Amino acid sequence: MCLLVYLVFRNHGVIEGLENAGQSTTSSSNGIGGGAADYVTRLTDAVTKKTDILLISKYRTEYEKAVVRADDMINLLMLEEVLSLDTNKPDMKSFVNIANLSQAKDGLNKVLKFVDKS
């Protein structure tokens, strides 16, 4: 029983992802804009880290193939959705799913353009 109480209250007051909530990244006297330069620096560092991890120039061909295969999968899912329409009682759910898949295709096109220009 004591172990259970300990486990429940051990992380009391800690919100996941917000351990540093007490440290403000903006200057309270300057408002939100006061911390903009620091934010841009942190964002630039994050982009650099992701770029270093992905190595787009080295793996461009593989990434392009992956995006094309994902596009093929979406096409197949869209076809499957169309073929599973209930002709006796059609509903909007299938059409919403098709629209969402279409948006995913647009997203993949943007990813492919990004990979190509990188």
C-alpha atoms as a PDB file:
ATOM      1  CA  MET A   1       0.000   0.000   0.000  1.00  0.00           C
ATOM      2  CA  CYS A   2       2.815   2.387   0.895  1.00  0.00           C
ATOM      3  CA  LEU A   3       4.549   1.597  -2.396  1.00  0.00           C
ATOM      4  CA  LEU A   4       1.397   2.492  -4.306  1.00  0.00           C
ATOM      5  CA  VAL A   5       1.074   5.804  -2.478  1.00  0.00           C
ATOM      6  CA  TYR A   6       4.746   6.532  -3.127  1.00  0.00           C
ATOM      7  CA  LEU A   7       4.395   5.828  -6.862  1.00  0.00           C
ATOM      8  CA  VAL A   8       1.306   8.011  -7.168  1.00  0.00           C
ATOM      9  CA  PHE A   9       2.787  11.018  -5.391  1.00  0.00           C
ATOM     10  CA  ARG A  10       6.398  10.654  -6.540  1.00  0.00           C
ATOM     11  CA  ASN A  11       5.822  12.813  -9.639  1.00  0.00           C
ATOM     12  CA  HIS A  12       3.371  15.176  -7.984  1.00  0.00           C
ATOM     13  CA  GLY A  13       3.707  18.627  -9.466  1.00  0.00           C
ATOM     14  CA  VAL A  14       5.582  17.538 -12.601  1.00  0.00           C
ATOM     15  CA  ILE A  15       3.727  18.036 -15.844  1.00  0.00           C
ATOM     16  CA  GLU A  16       5.166  15.926 -18.655  1.00  0.00           C
ATOM     17  CA  GLY A  17       7.002  18.058 -21.171  1.00  0.00           C
ATOM     18  CA  LEU A  18       6.895  21.094 -18.908  1.00  0.00           C
ATOM     19  CA  GLU A  19       9.632  20.322 -16.394  1.00  0.00           C
ATOM     20  CA  ASN A  20      11.194  23.712 -17.110  1.00  0.00           C
ATOM     21  CA  ALA A  21       7.918  25.595 -16.902  1.00  0.00           C
ATOM     22  CA  GLY A  22       9.347  27.805 -14.168  1.00  0.00           C
ATOM     23  CA  GLN A  23      12.014  29.128 -16.533  1.00  0.00           C
ATOM     24  CA  SER A  24      10.566  31.734 -18.810  1.00  0.00           C
ATOM     25  CA  THR A  25      11.964  31.927 -22.331  1.00  0.00           C
ATOM     26  CA  THR A  26      10.648  35.441 -22.771  1.00  0.00           C
ATOM     27  CA  SER A  27      11.451  38.592 -20.938  1.00  0.00           C
ATOM     28  CA  SER A  28       8.477  39.589 -18.811  1.00  0.00           C
ATOM     29  CA  SER A  29       9.367  43.268 -19.172  1.00  0.00           C
ATOM     30  CA  ASN A  30       9.621  43.038 -22.980  1.00  0.00           C
ATOM     31  CA  GLY A  31       6.625  40.785 -23.581  1.00  0.00           C
ATOM     32  CA  ILE A  32       6.652  37.968 -26.103  1.00  0.00           C
ATOM     33  CA  GLY A  33       8.895  39.812 -28.549  1.00  0.00           C
ATOM     34  CA  GLY A  34      11.645  40.103 -25.948  1.00  0.00           C
ATOM     35  CA  GLY A  35      12.442  36.414 -26.304  1.00  0.00           C
ATOM     36  CA  ALA A  36      12.123  36.245 -30.097  1.00  0.00           C
ATOM     37  CA  ALA A  37      15.863  36.283 -30.790  1.00  0.00           C
ATOM     38  CA  ASP A  38      16.439  33.415 -28.353  1.00  0.00           C
ATOM     39  CA  TYR A  39      13.537  31.505 -29.891  1.00  0.00           C
ATOM     40  CA  VAL A  40      14.970  31.918 -33.402  1.00  0.00           C
ATOM     41  CA  THR A  41      18.345  30.665 -32.175  1.00  0.00           C
ATOM     42  CA  ARG A  42      16.779  27.585 -30.581  1.00  0.00           C
ATOM     43  CA  LEU A  43      14.690  26.938 -33.688  1.00  0.00           C
ATOM     44  CA  THR A  44      17.756  27.258 -35.931  1.00  0.00           C
ATOM     45  CA  ASP A  45      19.619  24.785 -33.719  1.00  0.00           C
ATOM     46  CA  ALA A  46      16.716  22.322 -33.954  1.00  0.00           C
ATOM     47  CA  VAL A  47      16.609  22.616 -37.758  1.00  0.00           C
ATOM     48  CA  THR A  48      20.367  22.057 -37.956  1.00  0.00           C
ATOM     49  CA  LYS A  49      20.111  18.943 -35.787  1.00  0.00           C
ATOM     50  CA  LYS A  50      17.291  17.501 -37.929  1.00  0.00           C
ATOM     51  CA  THR A  51      19.220  18.279 -41.111  1.00  0.00           C
ATOM     52  CA  ASP A  52      22.287  16.518 -39.723  1.00  0.00           C
ATOM     53  CA  ILE A  53      20.214  13.478 -38.727  1.00  0.00           C
ATOM     54  CA  LEU A  54      18.347  13.110 -42.024  1.00  0.00           C
ATOM     55  CA  LEU A  55      21.329  13.631 -44.376  1.00  0.00           C
ATOM     56  CA  ILE A  56      19.012  14.410 -47.286  1.00  0.00           C
ATOM     57  CA  SER A  57      21.800  14.901 -49.800  1.00  0.00           C
ATOM     58  CA  LYS A  58      23.155  11.418 -49.053  1.00  0.00           C
ATOM     59  CA  TYR A  59      19.835   9.551 -48.917  1.00  0.00           C
ATOM     60  CA  ARG A  60      17.791  11.624 -51.398  1.00  0.00           C
ATOM     61  CA  THR A  61      17.067   8.659 -53.696  1.00  0.00           C
ATOM     62  CA  GLU A  62      15.831   6.489 -50.827  1.00  0.00           C
ATOM     63  CA  TYR A  63      13.669   9.301 -49.467  1.00  0.00           C
ATOM     64  CA  GLU A  64      12.141   9.903 -52.891  1.00  0.00           C
ATOM     65  CA  LYS A  65      11.375   6.195 -53.231  1.00  0.00           C
ATOM     66  CA  ALA A  66       9.774   6.179 -49.783  1.00  0.00           C
ATOM     67  CA  VAL A  67       7.556   9.139 -50.645  1.00  0.00           C
ATOM     68  CA  VAL A  68       6.518   7.542 -53.947  1.00  0.00           C
ATOM     69  CA  ARG A  69       5.655   4.278 -52.152  1.00  0.00           C
ATOM     70  CA  ALA A  70       3.653   6.204 -49.564  1.00  0.00           C
ATOM     71  CA  ASP A  71       1.801   7.905 -52.426  1.00  0.00           C
ATOM     72  CA  ASP A  72       1.052   4.489 -53.929  1.00  0.00           C
ATOM     73  CA  MET A  73      -0.295   3.347 -50.554  1.00  0.00           C
ATOM     74  CA  ILE A  74      -2.572   6.365 -50.322  1.00  0.00           C
ATOM     75  CA  ASN A  75      -3.865   5.716 -53.835  1.00  0.00           C
ATOM     76  CA  LEU A  76      -4.669   2.134 -52.856  1.00  0.00           C
ATOM     77  CA  LEU A  77      -6.381   3.247 -49.658  1.00  0.00           C
ATOM     78  CA  MET A  78      -8.455   5.748 -51.622  1.00  0.00           C
ATOM     79  CA  LEU A  79      -9.486   3.049 -54.096  1.00  0.00           C
ATOM     80  CA  GLU A  80     -10.326   0.708 -51.241  1.00  0.00           C
ATOM     81  CA  GLU A  81     -12.454   3.430 -49.642  1.00  0.00           C
ATOM     82  CA  VAL A  82     -14.329   4.036 -52.897  1.00  0.00           C
ATOM     83  CA  LEU A  83     -14.965   0.343 -53.399  1.00  0.00           C
ATOM     84  CA  SER A  84     -16.273  -0.057 -49.855  1.00  0.00           C
ATOM     85  CA  LEU A  85     -18.966   2.623 -50.205  1.00  0.00           C
ATOM     86  CA  ASP A  86     -22.326   1.381 -48.959  1.00  0.00           C
ATOM     87  CA  THR A  87     -24.595   1.897 -51.966  1.00  0.00           C
ATOM     88  CA  ASN A  88     -27.722   1.223 -49.919  1.00  0.00           C
ATOM     89  CA  LYS A  89     -26.938   3.779 -47.234  1.00  0.00           C
ATOM     90  CA  PRO A  90     -24.116   6.087 -48.320  1.00  0.00           C
ATOM     91  CA  ASP A  91     -22.660   8.297 -45.621  1.00  0.00           C
ATOM     92  CA  MET A  92     -20.208  11.145 -45.527  1.00  0.00           C
ATOM     93  CA  LYS A  93     -17.625   9.182 -43.513  1.00  0.00           C
ATOM     94  CA  SER A  94     -16.189   7.495 -46.606  1.00  0.00           C
ATOM     95  CA  PHE A  95     -16.000  10.772 -48.493  1.00  0.00           C
ATOM     96  CA  VAL A  96     -14.333  12.474 -45.537  1.00  0.00           C
ATOM     97  CA  ASN A  97     -11.782   9.647 -45.452  1.00  0.00           C
ATOM     98  CA  ILE A  98     -11.130  10.107 -49.176  1.00  0.00           C
ATOM     99  CA  ALA A  99     -10.736  13.858 -48.691  1.00  0.00           C
ATOM    100  CA  ASN A 100      -8.269  13.274 -45.822  1.00  0.00           C
ATOM    101  CA  LEU A 101      -6.287  10.866 -47.969  1.00  0.00           C
ATOM    102  CA  SER A 102      -6.250  13.444 -50.760  1.00  0.00           C
ATOM    103  CA  GLN A 103      -4.815  16.005 -48.336  1.00  0.00           C
ATOM    104  CA  ALA A 104      -2.181  13.460 -47.358  1.00  0.00           C
ATOM    105  CA  LYS A 105      -1.232  13.132 -51.046  1.00  0.00           C
ATOM    106  CA  ASP A 106      -0.824  16.910 -51.200  1.00  0.00           C
ATOM    107  CA  GLY A 107       1.414  16.710 -48.147  1.00  0.00           C
ATOM    108  CA  LEU A 108       3.530  14.010 -49.767  1.00  0.00           C
ATOM    109  CA  ASN A 109       3.911  16.185 -52.867  1.00  0.00           C
ATOM    110  CA  LYS A 110       5.211  18.997 -50.671  1.00  0.00           C
ATOM    111  CA  VAL A 111       7.633  16.616 -48.968  1.00  0.00           C
ATOM    112  CA  LEU A 112       8.905  15.415 -52.331  1.00  0.00           C
ATOM    113  CA  LYS A 113       9.422  19.007 -53.507  1.00  0.00           C
ATOM    114  CA  PHE A 114      11.344  19.738 -50.309  1.00  0.00           C
ATOM    115  CA  VAL A 115      13.560  16.675 -50.758  1.00  0.00           C
ATOM    116  CA  ASP A 116      14.210  17.611 -54.384  1.00  0.00           C
ATOM    117  CA  LYS A 117      15.266  21.169 -53.559  1.00  0.00           C
ATOM    118  CA  SER A 118      17.454  20.129 -50.606  1.00  0.00           C
END
